[in-house]
C-alpha cells in the first residue's frame, strides 16, 4: 500500500511484485497489473519493462544498484479492469532512503 514518496532500500529489495487495490471501495477485487516500467528518470520511455505484475530479474538488479537519495519511477502502469479493458495509470515516484 504505497503511493510514492520516500521508501527504504530494504523495503524495495524485498518486493517481488506490484499490486493495486482501491482502498476507498470495500470488497473490491485487486486489479490485475499487466505491464509496468521502472526507471531512475521520469521521462525514460525505454525503462526496464515487465509484462506482468512481477518484477523481472533485470528490474530487481536495477533496484539493488540504486543508492540513497536516488529516484525510482514506476511508469506505464497498465491494468486490466474488471470489464477487460486495459488502462494506463499515472506514474509513481520514490526517493530511496
Protein backbone atom coordinates (compact mmCIF):
# COMPACT_ATOMS: atom_id res chain seq x y z
CA UNK A 1 0.00 0.00 0.00
CA UNK A 2 2.47 2.67 -1.10
CA UNK A 3 1.66 5.68 -3.29
CA UNK A 4 5.04 7.30 -3.76
CA UNK A 5 7.34 9.42 -1.62
CA UNK A 6 10.20 8.09 0.48
CA UNK A 7 10.93 4.36 0.51
CA UNK A 8 13.58 2.37 2.38
CA UNK A 9 16.09 0.48 0.26
CA UNK A 10 15.50 -2.62 2.41
CA UNK A 11 11.77 -2.48 1.63
CA UNK A 12 12.46 -2.19 -2.09
CA UNK A 13 14.85 -5.13 -2.05
CA UNK A 14 12.08 -7.36 -0.66
CA UNK A 15 9.49 -6.53 -3.34
CA UNK A 16 8.81 -9.21 -5.95
CA UNK A 17 5.61 -7.90 -7.49
CA UNK A 18 3.29 -4.91 -7.78
CA UNK A 19 -0.37 -4.98 -6.81
CA UNK A 20 -3.18 -2.47 -6.86
CA UNK A 21 -6.38 -2.24 -4.86
CA UNK A 22 -8.85 0.58 -4.41
CA UNK A 23 -8.98 1.19 -0.67
CA UNK A 24 -11.94 3.56 -0.91
CA UNK A 25 -14.27 0.80 -2.13
CA UNK A 26 -14.70 -2.13 0.26
CA UNK A 27 -14.68 -5.72 -1.07
CA UNK A 28 -13.19 -4.82 -4.44
CA UNK A 29 -11.06 -7.36 -6.22
CA UNK A 30 -7.49 -6.30 -6.90
CA UNK A 31 -6.90 -5.01 -10.39
CA UNK A 32 -4.50 -7.09 -12.44
CA UNK A 33 -1.31 -5.26 -13.44
CA UNK A 34 -0.33 -6.41 -16.92
CA UNK A 35 2.69 -4.17 -17.59
CA UNK A 36 4.91 -1.54 -15.95
CA UNK A 37 8.33 0.08 -16.33
CA UNK A 38 10.86 1.21 -13.75
CA UNK A 39 13.49 3.89 -14.28
CA UNK A 40 15.59 6.46 -12.46
CA UNK A 41 14.29 9.17 -14.80
CA UNK A 42 10.66 10.26 -15.06
CA UNK A 43 10.91 10.73 -18.83
CA UNK A 44 12.75 7.47 -19.60
CA UNK A 45 10.48 5.82 -22.17
CA UNK A 46 12.77 2.81 -22.52
CA UNK A 47 12.99 1.91 -18.85
CA UNK A 48 13.06 -1.66 -17.62
CA UNK A 49 9.78 -3.29 -18.54
CA UNK A 50 7.76 -6.12 -17.06
CA UNK A 51 4.87 -7.66 -18.98
CA UNK A 52 3.19 -8.87 -15.78
CA UNK A 53 2.75 -7.80 -12.16
CA UNK A 54 6.11 -9.36 -11.19
CA UNK A 55 9.47 -7.61 -11.18
CA UNK A 56 11.90 -9.08 -13.67
CA UNK A 57 15.44 -10.09 -12.74
CA UNK A 58 16.67 -7.06 -14.71
CA UNK A 59 14.39 -4.76 -12.68
CA UNK A 60 15.50 -6.30 -9.37
CA UNK A 61 19.15 -5.85 -10.30
CA UNK A 62 18.47 -2.21 -11.25
CA UNK A 63 16.81 -1.62 -7.85
CA UNK A 64 19.73 -3.24 -5.99
CA UNK A 65 22.12 -0.77 -7.64
CA UNK A 66 20.18 2.35 -6.57
CA UNK A 67 21.85 4.39 -3.83
CA UNK A 68 20.37 6.50 -1.05
CA UNK A 69 18.89 9.70 -2.46
CA UNK A 70 18.30 8.12 -5.89
CA UNK A 71 14.92 8.42 -7.55
CA UNK A 72 12.84 5.49 -8.74
CA UNK A 73 9.87 5.93 -11.05
CA UNK A 74 7.23 3.35 -11.88
CA UNK A 75 5.64 4.38 -15.16
CA UNK A 76 3.49 2.95 -17.94
CA UNK A 77 1.49 1.06 -15.31
CA UNK A 78 -1.17 -0.80 -17.29
CA UNK A 79 -4.00 -2.60 -15.53
CA UNK A 80 -6.78 -4.87 -16.65
CA UNK A 81 -10.12 -3.60 -15.40
CA UNK A 82 -12.96 -5.93 -14.44
CA UNK A 83 -14.60 -5.10 -17.82
CA UNK A 84 -11.44 -6.47 -19.56
CA UNK A 85 -10.28 -3.03 -20.74
CA UNK A 86 -6.64 -2.08 -20.25
CA UNK A 87 -5.96 1.40 -18.92
CA UNK A 88 -2.74 3.21 -18.03
CA UNK A 89 -2.33 4.72 -14.56
CA UNK A 90 -0.38 7.79 -13.51
CA UNK A 91 3.30 7.27 -12.71
CA UNK A 92 4.52 6.85 -9.13
CA UNK A 93 7.85 8.25 -7.91
CA UNK A 94 10.02 7.40 -4.93
CA UNK A 95 13.19 8.68 -3.29
CA UNK A 96 15.40 5.94 -1.87
CA UNK A 97 16.29 6.28 1.83
